[in-house]
């Protein structure tokens, strides 16, 4: 590795998956304003929207998006504006 291009301020940070509440610890340089206590130790907290515990690729569970229902809802809402 090249010298002097990598950050020196690595520390243990708690990452919280906001979709399922899972918390995992990892070394990072991410800037945080919040902290959280895990097993009696206080860590900086970084909130993430998706992680390995909630991503469909890792869990094997795909979320079905009701696109047909959304289209029908749109058509009903704007039916009065259609040209005749």
PDB file of N, CA and C in Angstrom:
ATOM      1  N   UNK A   1       0.838  -1.183   0.000  1.00  0.00           N
ATOM      2  CA  UNK A   1       0.000   0.000   0.000  1.00  0.00           C
ATOM      3  C   UNK A   1       0.881   1.244   0.000  1.00  0.00           C
ATOM      4  N   UNK A   2       0.381   2.291  -0.608  1.00  0.00           N
ATOM      5  CA  UNK A   2       1.118   3.547  -0.619  1.00  0.00           C
ATOM      6  C   UNK A   2       1.076   4.183   0.755  1.00  0.00           C
ATOM      7  N   UNK A   3       2.139   4.801   1.136  1.00  0.00           N
ATOM      8  CA  UNK A   3       2.229   5.479   2.425  1.00  0.00           C
ATOM      9  C   UNK A   3       1.567   6.855   2.343  1.00  0.00           C
ATOM     10  N   UNK A   4       0.883   7.241   3.429  1.00  0.00           N
ATOM     11  CA  UNK A   4       0.346   8.591   3.562  1.00  0.00           C
ATOM     12  C   UNK A   4      -0.959   8.876   2.854  1.00  0.00           C
ATOM     13  N   UNK A   5      -1.608   7.876   2.235  1.00  0.00           N
ATOM     14  CA  UNK A   5      -2.877   8.164   1.551  1.00  0.00           C
ATOM     15  C   UNK A   5      -4.085   7.603   2.295  1.00  0.00           C
ATOM     16  N   UNK A   6      -3.859   6.804   3.324  1.00  0.00           N
ATOM     17  CA  UNK A   6      -4.955   6.202   4.070  1.00  0.00           C
ATOM     18  C   UNK A   6      -5.169   6.936   5.391  1.00  0.00           C
ATOM     19  N   UNK A   7      -6.435   7.082   5.820  1.00  0.00           N
ATOM     20  CA  UNK A   7      -6.720   7.790   7.071  1.00  0.00           C
ATOM     21  C   UNK A   7      -6.119   7.074   8.278  1.00  0.00           C
ATOM     22  N   UNK A   8      -5.780   7.844   9.273  1.00  0.00           N
ATOM     23  CA  UNK A   8      -5.184   7.295  10.486  1.00  0.00           C
ATOM     24  C   UNK A   8      -6.192   7.188  11.637  1.00  0.00           C
ATOM     25  N   UNK A   9      -7.380   7.776  11.475  1.00  0.00           N
ATOM     26  CA  UNK A   9      -8.325   7.875  12.588  1.00  0.00           C
ATOM     27  C   UNK A   9      -9.390   6.777  12.583  1.00  0.00           C
ATOM     28  N   UNK A  10      -9.015   5.534  12.308  1.00  0.00           N
ATOM     29  CA  UNK A  10      -9.958   4.425  12.400  1.00  0.00           C
ATOM     30  C   UNK A  10     -10.317   4.178  13.858  1.00  0.00           C
ATOM     31  N   UNK A  11     -11.592   3.899  14.104  1.00  0.00           N
ATOM     32  CA  UNK A  11     -12.064   3.570  15.439  1.00  0.00           C
ATOM     33  C   UNK A  11     -13.261   2.645  15.289  1.00  0.00           C
ATOM     34  N   UNK A  12     -13.655   1.986  16.368  1.00  0.00           N
ATOM     35  CA  UNK A  12     -14.812   1.090  16.322  1.00  0.00           C
ATOM     36  C   UNK A  12     -16.077   1.943  16.340  1.00  0.00           C
ATOM     37  N   UNK A  13     -16.972   1.690  15.394  1.00  0.00           N
ATOM     38  CA  UNK A  13     -18.220   2.438  15.247  1.00  0.00           C
ATOM     39  C   UNK A  13     -19.370   1.436  15.229  1.00  0.00           C
ATOM     40  N   UNK A  14     -20.477   1.779  15.873  1.00  0.00           N
ATOM     41  CA  UNK A  14     -21.688   0.958  15.844  1.00  0.00           C
ATOM     42  C   UNK A  14     -22.549   1.412  14.671  1.00  0.00           C
ATOM     43  N   UNK A  15     -22.874   0.503  13.777  1.00  0.00           N
ATOM     44  CA  UNK A  15     -23.757   0.785  12.658  1.00  0.00           C
ATOM     45  C   UNK A  15     -25.112   0.171  12.971  1.00  0.00           C
ATOM     46  N   UNK A  16     -26.177   0.965  12.840  1.00  0.00           N
ATOM     47  CA  UNK A  16     -27.530   0.488  13.132  1.00  0.00           C
ATOM     48  C   UNK A  16     -28.351   0.480  11.850  1.00  0.00           C
ATOM     49  N   UNK A  17     -28.871  -0.682  11.519  1.00  0.00           N
ATOM     50  CA  UNK A  17     -29.745  -0.836  10.363  1.00  0.00           C
ATOM     51  C   UNK A  17     -31.125  -0.328  10.772  1.00  0.00           C
ATOM     52  N   UNK A  18     -31.578   0.747  10.167  1.00  0.00           N
ATOM     53  CA  UNK A  18     -32.832   1.375  10.565  1.00  0.00           C
ATOM     54  C   UNK A  18     -34.061   0.585  10.112  1.00  0.00           C
ATOM     55  N   UNK A  19     -33.908  -0.336   9.171  1.00  0.00           N
ATOM     56  CA  UNK A  19     -35.071  -1.102   8.713  1.00  0.00           C
ATOM     57  C   UNK A  19     -35.418  -2.254   9.641  1.00  0.00           C
ATOM     58  N   UNK A  20     -34.427  -2.787  10.381  1.00  0.00           N
ATOM     59  CA  UNK A  20     -34.738  -3.901  11.277  1.00  0.00           C
ATOM     60  C   UNK A  20     -34.121  -3.768  12.671  1.00  0.00           C
ATOM     61  N   UNK A  21     -33.367  -2.704  12.930  1.00  0.00           N
ATOM     62  CA  UNK A  21     -32.832  -2.460  14.265  1.00  0.00           C
ATOM     63  C   UNK A  21     -31.554  -3.205  14.596  1.00  0.00           C
ATOM     64  N   UNK A  22     -31.003  -3.961  13.640  1.00  0.00           N
ATOM     65  CA  UNK A  22     -29.769  -4.710  13.886  1.00  0.00           C
ATOM     66  C   UNK A  22     -28.597  -3.743  14.079  1.00  0.00           C
ATOM     67  N   UNK A  23     -27.733  -4.049  15.055  1.00  0.00           N
ATOM     68  CA  UNK A  23     -26.558  -3.224  15.331  1.00  0.00           C
ATOM     69  C   UNK A  23     -25.328  -4.098  15.177  1.00  0.00           C
ATOM     70  N   UNK A  24     -24.339  -3.603  14.433  1.00  0.00           N
ATOM     71  CA  UNK A  24     -23.082  -4.327  14.303  1.00  0.00           C
ATOM     72  C   UNK A  24     -21.926  -3.344  14.439  1.00  0.00           C
ATOM     73  N   UNK A  25     -20.804  -3.851  14.911  1.00  0.00           N
ATOM     74  CA  UNK A  25     -19.624  -3.030  15.164  1.00  0.00           C
ATOM     75  C   UNK A  25     -18.592  -3.259  14.067  1.00  0.00           C
ATOM     76  N   UNK A  26     -17.954  -2.152  13.649  1.00  0.00           N
ATOM     77  CA  UNK A  26     -16.958  -2.230  12.601  1.00  0.00           C
ATOM     78  C   UNK A  26     -16.010  -1.041  12.746  1.00  0.00           C
ATOM     79  N   UNK A  27     -14.773  -1.223  12.350  1.00  0.00           N
ATOM     80  CA  UNK A  27     -13.834  -0.105  12.371  1.00  0.00           C
ATOM     81  C   UNK A  27     -14.119   0.795  11.176  1.00  0.00           C
ATOM     82  N   UNK A  28     -14.152   2.118  11.426  1.00  0.00           N
ATOM     83  CA  UNK A  28     -14.496   3.066  10.379  1.00  0.00           C
ATOM     84  C   UNK A  28     -13.960   4.448  10.718  1.00  0.00           C
ATOM     85  N   UNK A  29     -13.962   5.321   9.727  1.00  0.00           N
ATOM     86  CA  UNK A  29     -13.598   6.726   9.933  1.00  0.00           C
ATOM     87  C   UNK A  29     -14.814   7.637   9.771  1.00  0.00           C
ATOM     88  N   UNK A  30     -16.002   7.061   9.678  1.00  0.00           N
ATOM     89  CA  UNK A  30     -17.223   7.835   9.452  1.00  0.00           C
ATOM     90  C   UNK A  30     -17.419   8.862  10.577  1.00  0.00           C
ATOM     91  N   UNK A  31     -17.867  10.064  10.193  1.00  0.00           N
ATOM     92  CA  UNK A  31     -18.150  11.125  11.158  1.00  0.00           C
ATOM     93  C   UNK A  31     -19.558  10.920  11.706  1.00  0.00           C
ATOM     94  N   UNK A  32     -19.701  10.945  13.027  1.00  0.00           N
ATOM     95  CA  UNK A  32     -21.007  10.760  13.652  1.00  0.00           C
ATOM     96  C   UNK A  32     -21.240  11.813  14.719  1.00  0.00           C
ATOM     97  N   UNK A  33     -22.511  12.060  15.009  1.00  0.00           N
ATOM     98  CA  UNK A  33     -22.883  13.003  16.068  1.00  0.00           C
ATOM     99  C   UNK A  33     -23.541  12.296  17.241  1.00  0.00           C
ATOM    100  N   UNK A  34     -24.029  11.083  17.006  1.00  0.00           N
ATOM    101  CA  UNK A  34     -24.730  10.328  18.041  1.00  0.00           C
ATOM    102  C   UNK A  34     -23.859   9.199  18.565  1.00  0.00           C
ATOM    103  N   UNK A  35     -24.201   8.729  19.758  1.00  0.00           N
ATOM    104  CA  UNK A  35     -23.527   7.569  20.331  1.00  0.00           C
ATOM    105  C   UNK A  35     -24.573   6.569  20.794  1.00  0.00           C
ATOM    106  N   UNK A  36     -24.136   5.330  20.997  1.00  0.00           N
ATOM    107  CA  UNK A  36     -25.020   4.280  21.475  1.00  0.00           C
ATOM    108  C   UNK A  36     -24.202   3.357  22.373  1.00  0.00           C
ATOM    109  N   UNK A  37     -24.876   2.784  23.358  1.00  0.00           N
ATOM    110  CA  UNK A  37     -24.208   1.863  24.265  1.00  0.00           C
ATOM    111  C   UNK A  37     -24.490   0.431  23.829  1.00  0.00           C
ATOM    112  N   UNK A  38     -23.426  -0.330  23.601  1.00  0.00           N
ATOM    113  CA  UNK A  38     -23.531  -1.732  23.204  1.00  0.00           C
ATOM    114  C   UNK A  38     -22.700  -2.552  24.172  1.00  0.00           C
ATOM    115  N   UNK A  39     -23.334  -3.476  24.876  1.00  0.00           N
ATOM    116  CA  UNK A  39     -22.664  -4.332  25.861  1.00  0.00           C
ATOM    117  C   UNK A  39     -21.893  -3.518  26.904  1.00  0.00           C
ATOM    118  N   UNK A  40     -22.472  -2.402  27.321  1.00  0.00           N
ATOM    119  CA  UNK A  40     -21.864  -1.579  28.368  1.00  0.00           C
ATOM    120  C   UNK A  40     -20.772  -0.644  27.897  1.00  0.00           C
ATOM    121  N   UNK A  41     -20.502  -0.597  26.599  1.00  0.00           N
ATOM    122  CA  UNK A  41     -19.470   0.282  26.046  1.00  0.00           C
ATOM    123  C   UNK A  41     -20.139   1.271  25.099  1.00  0.00           C
ATOM    124  N   UNK A  42     -19.760   2.541  25.167  1.00  0.00           N
ATOM    125  CA  UNK A  42     -20.354   3.562  24.319  1.00  0.00           C
ATOM    126  C   UNK A  42     -19.544   3.705  23.030  1.00  0.00           C
ATOM    127  N   UNK A  43     -20.254   3.663  21.904  1.00  0.00           N
ATOM    128  CA  UNK A  43     -19.623   3.771  20.586  1.00  0.00           C
ATOM    129  C   UNK A  43     -20.281   4.899  19.797  1.00  0.00           C
ATOM    130  N   UNK A  44     -19.571   5.491  18.833  1.00  0.00           N
ATOM    131  CA  UNK A  44     -20.215   6.420  17.903  1.00  0.00           C
ATOM    132  C   UNK A  44     -21.245   5.642  17.083  1.00  0.00           C
ATOM    133  N   UNK A  45     -22.368   6.274  16.761  1.00  0.00           N
ATOM    134  CA  UNK A  45     -23.458   5.603  16.044  1.00  0.00           C
ATOM    135  C   UNK A  45     -23.583   6.146  14.629  1.00  0.00           C
ATOM    136  N   UNK A  46     -23.582   5.235  13.662  1.00  0.00           N
ATOM    137  CA  UNK A  46     -23.847   5.573  12.264  1.00  0.00           C
ATOM    138  C   UNK A  46     -25.091   4.809  11.844  1.00  0.00           C
ATOM    139  N   UNK A  47     -26.095   5.522  11.354  1.00  0.00           N
ATOM    140  CA  UNK A  47     -27.349   4.892  10.945  1.00  0.00           C
ATOM    141  C   UNK A  47     -27.299   4.598   9.449  1.00  0.00           C
ATOM    142  N   UNK A  48     -27.710   3.368   9.079  1.00  0.00           N
ATOM    143  CA  UNK A  48     -27.757   2.965   7.681  1.00  0.00           C
ATOM    144  C   UNK A  48     -29.164   2.483   7.352  1.00  0.00           C
ATOM    145  N   UNK A  49     -29.566   2.639   6.105  1.00  0.00           N
ATOM    146  CA  UNK A  49     -30.910   2.243   5.688  1.00  0.00           C
ATOM    147  C   UNK A  49     -31.002   0.753   5.388  1.00  0.00           C
ATOM    148  N   UNK A  50     -29.899   0.160   4.943  1.00  0.00           N
ATOM    149  CA  UNK A  50     -29.924  -1.253   4.574  1.00  0.00           C
ATOM    150  C   UNK A  50     -28.554  -1.857   4.868  1.00  0.00           C
ATOM    151  N   UNK A  51     -28.550  -3.087   5.302  1.00  0.00           N
ATOM    152  CA  UNK A  51     -27.288  -3.770   5.612  1.00  0.00           C
ATOM    153  C   UNK A  51     -27.404  -5.231   5.207  1.00  0.00           C
ATOM    154  N   UNK A  52     -26.422  -6.021   5.582  1.00  0.00           N
ATOM    155  CA  UNK A  52     -26.427  -7.443   5.229  1.00  0.00           C
ATOM    156  C   UNK A  52     -27.584  -8.190   5.875  1.00  0.00           C
ATOM    157  N   UNK A  53     -28.151  -7.659   6.965  1.00  0.00           N
ATOM    158  CA  UNK A  53     -29.257  -8.350   7.630  1.00  0.00           C
ATOM    159  C   UNK A  53     -30.625  -7.994   7.056  1.00  0.00           C
ATOM    160  N   UNK A  54     -30.687  -6.988   6.170  1.00  0.00           N
ATOM    161  CA  UNK A  54     -31.979  -6.616   5.593  1.00  0.00           C
ATOM    162  C   UNK A  54     -31.973  -6.567   4.065  1.00  0.00           C
ATOM    163  N   UNK A  55     -30.812  -6.693   3.429  1.00  0.00           N
ATOM    164  CA  UNK A  55     -30.746  -6.625   1.970  1.00  0.00           C
ATOM    165  C   UNK A  55     -31.279  -7.921   1.364  1.00  0.00           C
ATOM    166  N   UNK A  56     -32.153  -7.828   0.359  1.00  0.00           N
ATOM    167  CA  UNK A  56     -32.755  -9.035  -0.236  1.00  0.00           C
ATOM    168  C   UNK A  56     -31.724 -10.022  -0.783  1.00  0.00           C
ATOM    169  N   UNK A  57     -30.582  -9.555  -1.244  1.00  0.00           N
ATOM    170  CA  UNK A  57     -29.565 -10.466  -1.774  1.00  0.00           C
ATOM    171  C   UNK A  57     -29.054 -11.410  -0.692  1.00  0.00           C
ATOM    172  N   UNK A  58     -28.865 -10.903   0.509  1.00  0.00           N
ATOM    173  CA  UNK A  58     -28.337 -11.717   1.601  1.00  0.00           C
ATOM    174  C   UNK A  58     -29.414 -12.488   2.345  1.00  0.00           C
ATOM    175  N   UNK A  59     -30.614 -11.935   2.434  1.00  0.00           N
ATOM    176  CA  UNK A  59     -31.680 -12.600   3.185  1.00  0.00           C
ATOM    177  C   UNK A  59     -32.449 -13.603   2.342  1.00  0.00           C
ATOM    178  N   UNK A  60     -32.445 -13.421   1.024  1.00  0.00           N
ATOM    179  CA  UNK A  60     -33.192 -14.312   0.141  1.00  0.00           C
ATOM    180  C   UNK A  60     -34.667 -13.983   0.072  1.00  0.00           C
ATOM    181  N   UNK A  61     -35.087 -12.906   0.708  1.00  0.00           N
ATOM    182  CA  UNK A  61     -36.492 -12.503   0.719  1.00  0.00           C
ATOM    183  C   UNK A  61     -36.648 -11.262  -0.143  1.00  0.00           C
ATOM    184  N   UNK A  62     -37.402 -11.390  -1.213  1.00  0.00           N
ATOM    185  CA  UNK A  62     -37.642 -10.257  -2.098  1.00  0.00           C
ATOM    186  C   UNK A  62     -38.930  -9.559  -1.669  1.00  0.00           C
ATOM    187  N   UNK A  63     -38.910  -8.241  -1.682  1.00  0.00           N
ATOM    188  CA  UNK A  63     -40.116  -7.487  -1.365  1.00  0.00           C
ATOM    189  C   UNK A  63     -40.864  -7.226  -2.664  1.00  0.00           C
ATOM    190  N   UNK A  64     -42.145  -7.545  -2.655  1.00  0.00           N
ATOM    191  CA  UNK A  64     -42.972  -7.347  -3.833  1.00  0.00           C
ATOM    192  C   UNK A  64     -43.539  -5.936  -3.821  1.00  0.00           C
ATOM    193  N   UNK A  65     -43.320  -5.227  -4.906  1.00  0.00           N
ATOM    194  CA  UNK A  65     -43.853  -3.878  -5.042  1.00  0.00           C
ATOM    195  C   UNK A  65     -45.166  -3.971  -5.810  1.00  0.00           C
ATOM    196  N   UNK A  66     -46.209  -3.405  -5.259  1.00  0.00           N
ATOM    197  CA  UNK A  66     -47.536  -3.464  -5.870  1.00  0.00           C
ATOM    198  C   UNK A  66     -47.635  -2.407  -6.960  1.00  0.00           C
ATOM    199  N   UNK A  67     -46.989  -2.664  -8.093  1.00  0.00           N
ATOM    200  CA  UNK A  67     -46.997  -1.678  -9.161  1.00  0.00           C
ATOM    201  C   UNK A  67     -48.340  -1.631  -9.876  1.00  0.00           C
ATOM    202  N   UNK A  68     -49.013  -2.767  -9.996  1.00  0.00           N
ATOM    203  CA  UNK A  68     -50.316  -2.775 -10.661  1.00  0.00           C
ATOM    204  C   UNK A  68     -51.317  -1.952  -9.864  1.00  0.00           C
ATOM    205  N   UNK A  69     -51.304  -2.077  -8.558  1.00  0.00           N
ATOM    206  CA  UNK A  69     -52.206  -1.296  -7.723  1.00  0.00           C
ATOM    207  C   UNK A  69     -51.912   0.188  -7.807  1.00  0.00           C
ATOM    208  N   UNK A  70     -50.661   0.534  -7.909  1.00  0.00           N
ATOM    209  CA  UNK A  70     -50.271   1.940  -8.012  1.00  0.00           C
ATOM    210  C   UNK A  70     -50.715   2.532  -9.341  1.00  0.00           C
ATOM    211  N   UNK A  71     -50.627   1.744 -10.406  1.00  0.00           N
ATOM    212  CA  UNK A  71     -51.052   2.219 -11.724  1.00  0.00           C
ATOM    213  C   UNK A  71     -52.562   2.427 -11.748  1.00  0.00           C
ATOM    214  N   UNK A  72     -53.304   1.476 -11.198  1.00  0.00           N
ATOM    215  CA  UNK A  72     -54.767   1.605 -11.144  1.00  0.00           C
ATOM    216  C   UNK A  72     -55.170   2.842 -10.338  1.00  0.00           C
ATOM    217  N   UNK A  73     -54.502   3.068  -9.252  1.00  0.00           N
ATOM    218  CA  UNK A  73     -54.788   4.230  -8.409  1.00  0.00           C
ATOM    219  C   UNK A  73     -54.527   5.526  -9.186  1.00  0.00           C
ATOM    220  N   UNK A  74     -53.442   5.563  -9.942  1.00  0.00           N
ATOM    221  CA  UNK A  74     -53.110   6.733 -10.754  1.00  0.00           C
ATOM    222  C   UNK A  74     -54.178   6.969 -11.824  1.00  0.00           C
ATOM    223  N   UNK A  75     -54.591   5.895 -12.499  1.00  0.00           N
ATOM    224  CA  UNK A  75     -55.581   6.026 -13.570  1.00  0.00           C
ATOM    225  C   UNK A  75     -56.919   6.530 -13.034  1.00  0.00           C
ATOM    226  N   UNK A  76     -57.335   6.057 -11.868  1.00  0.00           N
ATOM    227  CA  UNK A  76     -58.581   6.521 -11.268  1.00  0.00           C
ATOM    228  C   UNK A  76     -58.490   7.997 -10.888  1.00  0.00           C
ATOM    229  N   UNK A  77     -57.334   8.387 -10.360  1.00  0.00           N
ATOM    230  CA  UNK A  77     -57.163   9.754  -9.888  1.00  0.00           C
ATOM    231  C   UNK A  77     -57.221  10.756 -11.048  1.00  0.00           C
ATOM    232  N   UNK A  78     -56.620  10.378 -12.196  1.00  0.00           N
ATOM    233  CA  UNK A  78     -56.524  11.317 -13.309  1.00  0.00           C
ATOM    234  C   UNK A  78     -57.469  10.970 -14.473  1.00  0.00           C
ATOM    235  N   UNK A  79     -58.465  10.136 -14.232  1.00  0.00           N
ATOM    236  CA  UNK A  79     -59.422   9.750 -15.288  1.00  0.00           C
ATOM    237  C   UNK A  79     -60.231  10.948 -15.764  1.00  0.00           C
ATOM    238  N   UNK A  80     -60.512  11.878 -14.877  1.00  0.00           N
ATOM    239  CA  UNK A  80     -61.329  13.025 -15.271  1.00  0.00           C
ATOM    240  C   UNK A  80     -60.592  13.986 -16.201  1.00  0.00           C
ATOM    241  N   UNK A  81     -59.286  13.845 -16.328  1.00  0.00           N
ATOM    242  CA  UNK A  81     -58.490  14.733 -17.175  1.00  0.00           C
ATOM    243  C   UNK A  81     -58.214  14.127 -18.547  1.00  0.00           C
ATOM    244  N   UNK A  82     -58.687  12.908 -18.807  1.00  0.00           N
ATOM    245  CA  UNK A  82     -58.421  12.250 -20.083  1.00  0.00           C
ATOM    246  C   UNK A  82     -59.187  12.952 -21.196  1.00  0.00           C
ATOM    247  N   UNK A  83     -58.553  12.993 -22.399  1.00  0.00           N
ATOM    248  CA  UNK A  83     -59.189  13.568 -23.561  1.00  0.00           C
ATOM    249  C   UNK A  83     -60.236  12.605 -24.081  1.00  0.00           C
ATOM    250  N   UNK A  84     -61.358  13.135 -24.519  1.00  0.00           N
ATOM    251  CA  UNK A  84     -62.449  12.280 -25.017  1.00  0.00           C
ATOM    252  C   UNK A  84     -62.553  12.337 -26.506  1.00  0.00           C
TER     253      UNK A  84
END
